[in-house]
Structures are given as structure tokens and as C-alpha cells.
C-alpha atoms as a PDB file:
ATOM      1  CA  MET A   1      14.883 -44.746 -61.974  1.00  0.00           C
ATOM      2  CA  ASN A   2      14.471 -48.334 -61.703  1.00  0.00           C
ATOM      3  CA  ASN A   3      15.001 -50.441 -65.206  1.00  0.00           C
ATOM      4  CA  VAL A   4      15.780 -47.318 -66.889  1.00  0.00           C
ATOM      5  CA  LYS A   5      18.006 -48.745 -69.974  1.00  0.00           C
ATOM      6  CA  ALA A   6      19.955 -46.054 -71.900  1.00  0.00           C
ATOM      7  CA  ASP A   7      23.371 -47.375 -74.825  1.00  0.00           C
ATOM      8  CA  ILE A   8      25.784 -44.782 -73.315  1.00  0.00           C
ATOM      9  CA  VAL A   9      25.634 -42.855 -69.342  1.00  0.00           C
ATOM     10  CA  ILE A  10      27.107 -39.386 -69.083  1.00  0.00           C
ATOM     11  CA  ILE A  11      28.036 -38.722 -65.839  1.00  0.00           C
ATOM     12  CA  GLY A  12      27.674 -34.449 -65.429  1.00  0.00           C
ATOM     13  CA  ALA A  13      25.665 -31.896 -67.578  1.00  0.00           C
ATOM     14  CA  GLY A  14      28.540 -29.356 -67.031  1.00  0.00           C
ATOM     15  CA  ILE A  15      29.651 -27.923 -70.862  1.00  0.00           C
ATOM     16  CA  THR A  16      31.240 -30.984 -71.346  1.00  0.00           C
ATOM     17  CA  GLY A  17      28.844 -33.340 -70.337  1.00  0.00           C
ATOM     18  CA  CYS A  18      26.492 -31.310 -72.503  1.00  0.00           C
ATOM     19  CA  ALA A  19      28.200 -30.822 -75.336  1.00  0.00           C
ATOM     20  CA  ILE A  20      28.820 -33.988 -75.361  1.00  0.00           C
ATOM     21  CA  VAL A  21      25.384 -34.722 -75.373  1.00  0.00           C
ATOM     22  CA  ARG A  22      24.858 -32.735 -78.435  1.00  0.00           C
ATOM     23  CA  GLN A  23      26.629 -34.709 -80.352  1.00  0.00           C
ATOM     24  CA  LEU A  24      24.855 -37.320 -79.742  1.00  0.00           C
ATOM     25  CA  GLY A  25      22.232 -36.668 -80.303  1.00  0.00           C
ATOM     26  CA  LYS A  26      22.649 -36.542 -83.752  1.00  0.00           C
ATOM     27  CA  TYR A  27      22.956 -40.895 -83.650  1.00  0.00           C
ATOM     28  CA  LYS A  28      20.624 -43.444 -82.492  1.00  0.00           C
ATOM     29  CA  SER A  29      21.496 -43.445 -79.426  1.00  0.00           C
ATOM     30  CA  LYS A  30      19.754 -43.399 -75.929  1.00  0.00           C
ATOM     31  CA  VAL A  31      21.608 -41.406 -73.769  1.00  0.00           C
ATOM     32  CA  LEU A  32      21.159 -40.614 -69.741  1.00  0.00           C
ATOM     33  CA  VAL A  33      22.088 -37.582 -68.541  1.00  0.00           C
ATOM     34  CA  ILE A  34      23.428 -38.282 -64.854  1.00  0.00           C
ATOM     35  CA  GLU A  35      23.727 -34.861 -62.856  1.00  0.00           C
ATOM     36  CA  LYS A  36      24.370 -34.183 -58.883  1.00  0.00           C
ATOM     37  CA  GLU A  37      22.960 -30.793 -58.989  1.00  0.00           C
ATOM     38  CA  SER A  38      19.239 -29.264 -59.412  1.00  0.00           C
ATOM     39  CA  ASP A  39      20.102 -27.792 -63.405  1.00  0.00           C
ATOM     40  CA  ALA A  40      22.685 -28.510 -65.666  1.00  0.00           C
ATOM     41  CA  SER A  41      25.929 -26.524 -65.531  1.00  0.00           C
ATOM     42  CA  CYS A  42      25.812 -25.394 -61.562  1.00  0.00           C
ATOM     43  CA  GLY A  43      29.498 -26.709 -61.288  1.00  0.00           C
ATOM     44  CA  THR A  44      32.412 -25.096 -62.543  1.00  0.00           C
ATOM     45  CA  THR A  45      30.461 -23.955 -65.205  1.00  0.00           C
ATOM     46  CA  LYS A  46      28.473 -21.706 -63.545  1.00  0.00           C
ATOM     47  CA  VAL A  47      31.459 -19.201 -63.063  1.00  0.00           C
ATOM     48  CA  ASN A  48      33.089 -19.204 -66.275  1.00  0.00           C
ATOM     49  CA  SER A  49      33.526 -15.584 -67.541  1.00  0.00           C
ATOM     50  CA  GLY A  50      31.627 -15.909 -70.397  1.00  0.00           C
ATOM     51  CA  LEU A  51      34.353 -15.200 -73.162  1.00  0.00           C
ATOM     52  CA  VAL A  52      34.872 -16.910 -76.001  1.00  0.00           C
ATOM     53  CA  HIS A  53      39.279 -17.480 -76.596  1.00  0.00           C
ATOM     54  CA  PRO A  54      40.063 -15.531 -79.550  1.00  0.00           C
ATOM     55  CA  GLY A  55      41.265 -18.223 -81.398  1.00  0.00           C
ATOM     56  CA  TYR A  56      44.107 -16.451 -82.519  1.00  0.00           C
ATOM     57  CA  ALA A  57      46.460 -15.255 -79.072  1.00  0.00           C
ATOM     58  CA  GLY A  58      48.974 -17.813 -78.059  1.00  0.00           C
ATOM     59  CA  GLU A  59      52.192 -19.417 -79.222  1.00  0.00           C
ATOM     60  CA  LYS A  60      52.266 -20.694 -83.139  1.00  0.00           C
ATOM     61  CA  GLY A  61      52.474 -24.187 -83.575  1.00  0.00           C
ATOM     62  CA  THR A  62      51.082 -25.527 -80.107  1.00  0.00           C
ATOM     63  CA  LEU A  63      48.028 -28.207 -79.255  1.00  0.00           C
ATOM     64  CA  ARG A  64      46.392 -25.241 -77.185  1.00  0.00           C
ATOM     65  CA  LEU A  65      46.205 -22.588 -80.114  1.00  0.00           C
ATOM     66  CA  SER A  66      44.911 -25.309 -82.277  1.00  0.00           C
ATOM     67  CA  LEU A  67      41.927 -26.323 -80.128  1.00  0.00           C
ATOM     68  CA  ALA A  68      41.553 -22.321 -79.297  1.00  0.00           C
ATOM     69  CA  HIS A  69      40.929 -22.170 -82.734  1.00  0.00           C
ATOM     70  CA  LYS A  70      39.234 -24.462 -83.324  1.00  0.00           C
ATOM     71  CA  GLY A  71      37.228 -24.142 -80.839  1.00  0.00           C
ATOM     72  CA  ASN A  72      36.109 -20.583 -81.329  1.00  0.00           C
ATOM     73  CA  LEU A  73      35.203 -21.673 -84.273  1.00  0.00           C
ATOM     74  CA  CYS A  74      32.848 -24.361 -83.616  1.00  0.00           C
ATOM     75  CA  PHE A  75      31.040 -21.719 -81.180  1.00  0.00           C
ATOM     76  CA  ARG A  76      30.467 -19.196 -83.836  1.00  0.00           C
ATOM     77  CA  GLU A  77      28.756 -21.714 -85.393  1.00  0.00           C
ATOM     78  CA  ASN A  78      26.554 -23.062 -83.071  1.00  0.00           C
ATOM     79  CA  ALA A  79      25.864 -20.123 -81.580  1.00  0.00           C
ATOM     80  CA  PRO A  80      23.320 -18.825 -84.114  1.00  0.00           C
ATOM     81  CA  GLU A  81      21.862 -22.360 -83.380  1.00  0.00           C
ATOM     82  CA  LEU A  82      21.706 -22.734 -79.943  1.00  0.00           C
ATOM     83  CA  GLY A  83      20.078 -18.882 -79.702  1.00  0.00           C
ATOM     84  CA  ILE A  84      23.969 -17.723 -78.158  1.00  0.00           C
ATOM     85  CA  PRO A  85      24.966 -13.886 -78.491  1.00  0.00           C
ATOM     86  CA  LEU A  86      27.450 -13.383 -79.666  1.00  0.00           C
ATOM     87  CA  LYS A  87      29.358  -9.852 -80.129  1.00  0.00           C
END
């Protein structure tokens, strides 16, 4: 990997790193992902329960509830495009 040039370098190909790369793919940037494992999502991401937060449970008016709601909507919007089955 000598002389690899990138505009942006993402360290880690877990759920957060991959989500960032996906968003950056919408722009004309050269993005490099550095991952220590042999494949993406081999760390903490691989052991999640696979549940999507319902987006309505939590204390009203909190940042946590607001972000959970937005995250739920975002997942539902992107799942079909990514080929992720959602029940």
C-alpha cells in the first residue's frame, strides 16, 4: 500500500466506520478505510443483537429518545436499498 492517496481516512470498518464511508460515497472524495481485522464488522458490531431500537421507547424530551427515533427512521429508509430484511 505504498503511495496510497486519499482525501479522507476512516479507521475501523465497524458499523460507524461503514456508515460514514457510505455517506462520504455521495461526494467526489477518495476514501480509504483501514481495518485491523480480516473483514468489516468483526469487532463489537458483529455481536450486536440485530435489533433496531423502536424509536419511541424512552424518556420524553431526551436526546437519547430523539436520536433513537431518527435512527429508526434512517434504518427503515436505508434497509431496502442495502438489501437488509426488516421485520
